[in-house]
């Protein structure tokens, strides 16, 4: 219920069925997320281009840490992993590598967090991969 606010974007998962009484459709909602939570649920990782200049990962993780919550199954940490995309070009060709940061280096993908990652990424290239 905390997610249901005026002019607040929500993402729902549910079942859509014909409504016999009104002739319209009935939606039974099974799960509901706000945009940040949906990014965590469906996103795989954040890919950040770092060509020649690394972002201040430690500061960004301090400012936008993953969020923990207690469930009946124990502690659940919600956050996205980070992969740094390094590309180097030379006269005779180039090379690229994607470096996956450790499992403890996760962040919660709010709009503000993504804006800070993009500000430090090469050409603003920081995108959530949803594979």
C-alpha atoms as a PDB file:
ATOM      1  CA  UNK A   1       0.000   0.000   0.000  1.00  0.00           C
ATOM      2  CA  UNK A   2       2.941   2.356   0.554  1.00  0.00           C
ATOM      3  CA  UNK A   3       3.583   2.257  -3.196  1.00  0.00           C
ATOM      4  CA  UNK A   4       0.121   3.489  -4.149  1.00  0.00           C
ATOM      5  CA  UNK A   5       0.424   7.276  -4.263  1.00  0.00           C
ATOM      6  CA  UNK A   6      -0.939   9.939  -6.590  1.00  0.00           C
ATOM      7  CA  UNK A   7       1.068  10.279  -9.817  1.00  0.00           C
ATOM      8  CA  UNK A   8       3.477   7.494  -8.801  1.00  0.00           C
ATOM      9  CA  UNK A   9       4.603   5.038 -11.484  1.00  0.00           C
ATOM     10  CA  UNK A  10       4.105   1.413 -10.470  1.00  0.00           C
ATOM     11  CA  UNK A  11       4.816  -1.859 -12.224  1.00  0.00           C
ATOM     12  CA  UNK A  12       2.496  -4.781 -11.535  1.00  0.00           C
ATOM     13  CA  UNK A  13       2.518  -8.492 -12.234  1.00  0.00           C
ATOM     14  CA  UNK A  14      -0.835 -10.143 -12.332  1.00  0.00           C
ATOM     15  CA  UNK A  15      -3.499 -11.958 -14.239  1.00  0.00           C
ATOM     16  CA  UNK A  16      -5.890 -10.273 -16.678  1.00  0.00           C
ATOM     17  CA  UNK A  17      -9.248 -11.982 -17.155  1.00  0.00           C
ATOM     18  CA  UNK A  18     -12.607 -11.099 -18.678  1.00  0.00           C
ATOM     19  CA  UNK A  19     -15.038  -9.644 -16.122  1.00  0.00           C
ATOM     20  CA  UNK A  20     -18.398 -11.389 -16.558  1.00  0.00           C
ATOM     21  CA  UNK A  21     -20.327  -8.706 -14.676  1.00  0.00           C
ATOM     22  CA  UNK A  22     -19.155  -5.571 -16.485  1.00  0.00           C
ATOM     23  CA  UNK A  23     -18.113  -7.078 -19.791  1.00  0.00           C
ATOM     24  CA  UNK A  24     -14.693  -5.458 -19.351  1.00  0.00           C
ATOM     25  CA  UNK A  25     -11.481  -6.874 -17.974  1.00  0.00           C
ATOM     26  CA  UNK A  26     -10.424  -7.656 -14.407  1.00  0.00           C
ATOM     27  CA  UNK A  27      -6.809  -7.438 -13.229  1.00  0.00           C
ATOM     28  CA  UNK A  28      -5.733  -9.510 -10.254  1.00  0.00           C
ATOM     29  CA  UNK A  29      -2.423  -8.127  -8.979  1.00  0.00           C
ATOM     30  CA  UNK A  30       0.096 -10.635  -7.620  1.00  0.00           C
ATOM     31  CA  UNK A  31       3.075  -8.306  -7.133  1.00  0.00           C
ATOM     32  CA  UNK A  32       3.672  -4.584  -7.255  1.00  0.00           C
ATOM     33  CA  UNK A  33       6.903  -2.584  -7.526  1.00  0.00           C
ATOM     34  CA  UNK A  34       7.914   1.047  -7.837  1.00  0.00           C
ATOM     35  CA  UNK A  35      10.389   1.851 -10.617  1.00  0.00           C
ATOM     36  CA  UNK A  36      13.495   1.465  -8.438  1.00  0.00           C
ATOM     37  CA  UNK A  37      12.337  -1.906  -7.106  1.00  0.00           C
ATOM     38  CA  UNK A  38      11.461  -3.098 -10.627  1.00  0.00           C
ATOM     39  CA  UNK A  39      14.974  -2.187 -11.792  1.00  0.00           C
ATOM     40  CA  UNK A  40      16.344  -4.420  -9.010  1.00  0.00           C
ATOM     41  CA  UNK A  41      13.915  -7.241  -9.719  1.00  0.00           C
ATOM     42  CA  UNK A  42      14.351  -7.393 -13.480  1.00  0.00           C
ATOM     43  CA  UNK A  43      17.772  -5.797 -14.059  1.00  0.00           C
ATOM     44  CA  UNK A  44      20.829  -8.029 -14.196  1.00  0.00           C
ATOM     45  CA  UNK A  45      23.588  -5.439 -13.696  1.00  0.00           C
ATOM     46  CA  UNK A  46      24.708  -1.888 -14.457  1.00  0.00           C
ATOM     47  CA  UNK A  47      27.204  -1.621 -17.330  1.00  0.00           C
ATOM     48  CA  UNK A  48      29.443   1.444 -16.954  1.00  0.00           C
ATOM     49  CA  UNK A  49      31.822   2.543 -19.729  1.00  0.00           C
ATOM     50  CA  UNK A  50      35.177   3.583 -18.258  1.00  0.00           C
ATOM     51  CA  UNK A  51      37.623   4.432 -20.989  1.00  0.00           C
ATOM     52  CA  UNK A  52      40.678   5.935 -19.375  1.00  0.00           C
ATOM     53  CA  UNK A  53      38.974   7.298 -16.251  1.00  0.00           C
ATOM     54  CA  UNK A  54      37.466   5.109 -13.549  1.00  0.00           C
ATOM     55  CA  UNK A  55      34.404   6.293 -11.623  1.00  0.00           C
ATOM     56  CA  UNK A  56      34.618   6.801  -7.870  1.00  0.00           C
ATOM     57  CA  UNK A  57      33.001   3.443  -7.145  1.00  0.00           C
ATOM     58  CA  UNK A  58      33.571   3.570  -3.374  1.00  0.00           C
ATOM     59  CA  UNK A  59      31.824   6.944  -3.041  1.00  0.00           C
ATOM     60  CA  UNK A  60      28.912   5.898  -5.256  1.00  0.00           C
ATOM     61  CA  UNK A  61      28.407   2.712  -3.240  1.00  0.00           C
ATOM     62  CA  UNK A  62      28.483   4.697   0.016  1.00  0.00           C
ATOM     63  CA  UNK A  63      25.922   7.196  -1.278  1.00  0.00           C
ATOM     64  CA  UNK A  64      23.618   4.614  -2.911  1.00  0.00           C
ATOM     65  CA  UNK A  65      24.082   1.304  -1.064  1.00  0.00           C
ATOM     66  CA  UNK A  66      22.043  -1.828  -1.696  1.00  0.00           C
ATOM     67  CA  UNK A  67      19.007  -2.067   0.579  1.00  0.00           C
ATOM     68  CA  UNK A  68      18.475  -4.879   3.047  1.00  0.00           C
ATOM     69  CA  UNK A  69      15.190  -6.180   4.363  1.00  0.00           C
ATOM     70  CA  UNK A  70      14.188  -9.054   6.608  1.00  0.00           C
ATOM     71  CA  UNK A  71      11.906 -11.704   5.140  1.00  0.00           C
ATOM     72  CA  UNK A  72      10.630 -15.017   6.471  1.00  0.00           C
ATOM     73  CA  UNK A  73      13.589 -16.593   4.634  1.00  0.00           C
ATOM     74  CA  UNK A  74      16.199 -14.317   6.233  1.00  0.00           C
ATOM     75  CA  UNK A  75      17.898 -11.132   5.093  1.00  0.00           C
ATOM     76  CA  UNK A  76      17.326 -10.097   1.479  1.00  0.00           C
ATOM     77  CA  UNK A  77      19.691  -7.589  -0.139  1.00  0.00           C
ATOM     78  CA  UNK A  78      18.218  -5.615  -3.041  1.00  0.00           C
ATOM     79  CA  UNK A  79      20.660  -4.031  -5.429  1.00  0.00           C
ATOM     80  CA  UNK A  80      22.281  -4.310  -8.829  1.00  0.00           C
ATOM     81  CA  UNK A  81      25.751  -5.588  -9.546  1.00  0.00           C
ATOM     82  CA  UNK A  82      28.194  -3.452 -11.501  1.00  0.00           C
ATOM     83  CA  UNK A  83      30.305  -4.239 -14.556  1.00  0.00           C
ATOM     84  CA  UNK A  84      32.926  -1.838 -15.838  1.00  0.00           C
ATOM     85  CA  UNK A  85      33.364  -1.824 -19.619  1.00  0.00           C
ATOM     86  CA  UNK A  86      36.928  -0.906 -20.569  1.00  0.00           C
ATOM     87  CA  UNK A  87      37.691  -0.221 -24.239  1.00  0.00           C
ATOM     88  CA  UNK A  88      41.079   0.854 -25.550  1.00  0.00           C
ATOM     89  CA  UNK A  89      41.751   1.750 -29.170  1.00  0.00           C
ATOM     90  CA  UNK A  90      45.143   1.945 -30.828  1.00  0.00           C
ATOM     91  CA  UNK A  91      46.506   2.457 -34.311  1.00  0.00           C
ATOM     92  CA  UNK A  92      46.469  -1.255 -35.094  1.00  0.00           C
ATOM     93  CA  UNK A  93      43.141  -2.112 -33.466  1.00  0.00           C
ATOM     94  CA  UNK A  94      41.576  -2.197 -30.069  1.00  0.00           C
ATOM     95  CA  UNK A  95      40.590  -4.321 -27.139  1.00  0.00           C
ATOM     96  CA  UNK A  96      37.729  -4.353 -24.692  1.00  0.00           C
ATOM     97  CA  UNK A  97      36.987  -6.132 -21.444  1.00  0.00           C
ATOM     98  CA  UNK A  98      34.071  -6.197 -19.055  1.00  0.00           C
ATOM     99  CA  UNK A  99      35.076  -6.372 -15.389  1.00  0.00           C
ATOM    100  CA  UNK A 100      32.449  -7.639 -12.975  1.00  0.00           C
ATOM    101  CA  UNK A 101      32.815  -6.133  -9.520  1.00  0.00           C
ATOM    102  CA  UNK A 102      32.395  -8.338  -6.456  1.00  0.00           C
ATOM    103  CA  UNK A 103      29.043  -9.386  -5.027  1.00  0.00           C
ATOM    104  CA  UNK A 104      29.415  -6.911  -2.137  1.00  0.00           C
ATOM    105  CA  UNK A 105      29.611  -4.037  -4.632  1.00  0.00           C
ATOM    106  CA  UNK A 106      25.918  -3.600  -5.324  1.00  0.00           C
ATOM    107  CA  UNK A 107      23.884  -0.396  -5.354  1.00  0.00           C
ATOM    108  CA  UNK A 108      20.190   0.513  -5.251  1.00  0.00           C
ATOM    109  CA  UNK A 109      19.215   1.957  -8.670  1.00  0.00           C
ATOM    110  CA  UNK A 110      17.301   5.138  -7.901  1.00  0.00           C
ATOM    111  CA  UNK A 111      17.082   7.906 -10.493  1.00  0.00           C
ATOM    112  CA  UNK A 112      19.650   9.890  -8.486  1.00  0.00           C
ATOM    113  CA  UNK A 113      22.052   6.932  -8.326  1.00  0.00           C
ATOM    114  CA  UNK A 114      21.828   6.357 -12.075  1.00  0.00           C
ATOM    115  CA  UNK A 115      22.398  10.061 -12.743  1.00  0.00           C
ATOM    116  CA  UNK A 116      25.587   9.973 -10.640  1.00  0.00           C
ATOM    117  CA  UNK A 117      26.852   6.840 -12.413  1.00  0.00           C
ATOM    118  CA  UNK A 118      26.178   8.447 -15.809  1.00  0.00           C
ATOM    119  CA  UNK A 119      27.971  11.624 -14.756  1.00  0.00           C
ATOM    120  CA  UNK A 120      31.128   9.615 -14.075  1.00  0.00           C
ATOM    121  CA  UNK A 121      30.859   7.178 -16.997  1.00  0.00           C
ATOM    122  CA  UNK A 122      32.597   7.696 -20.323  1.00  0.00           C
ATOM    123  CA  UNK A 123      30.217   9.706 -22.525  1.00  0.00           C
ATOM    124  CA  UNK A 124      27.437   9.131 -19.976  1.00  0.00           C
ATOM    125  CA  UNK A 125      27.247   5.440 -20.874  1.00  0.00           C
ATOM    126  CA  UNK A 126      25.862   3.723 -17.785  1.00  0.00           C
ATOM    127  CA  UNK A 127      22.910   1.458 -18.562  1.00  0.00           C
ATOM    128  CA  UNK A 128      21.003  -1.262 -16.766  1.00  0.00           C
ATOM    129  CA  UNK A 129      21.169  -4.560 -18.637  1.00  0.00           C
ATOM    130  CA  UNK A 130      17.943  -6.550 -18.480  1.00  0.00           C
ATOM    131  CA  UNK A 131      18.932  -9.640 -20.589  1.00  0.00           C
END
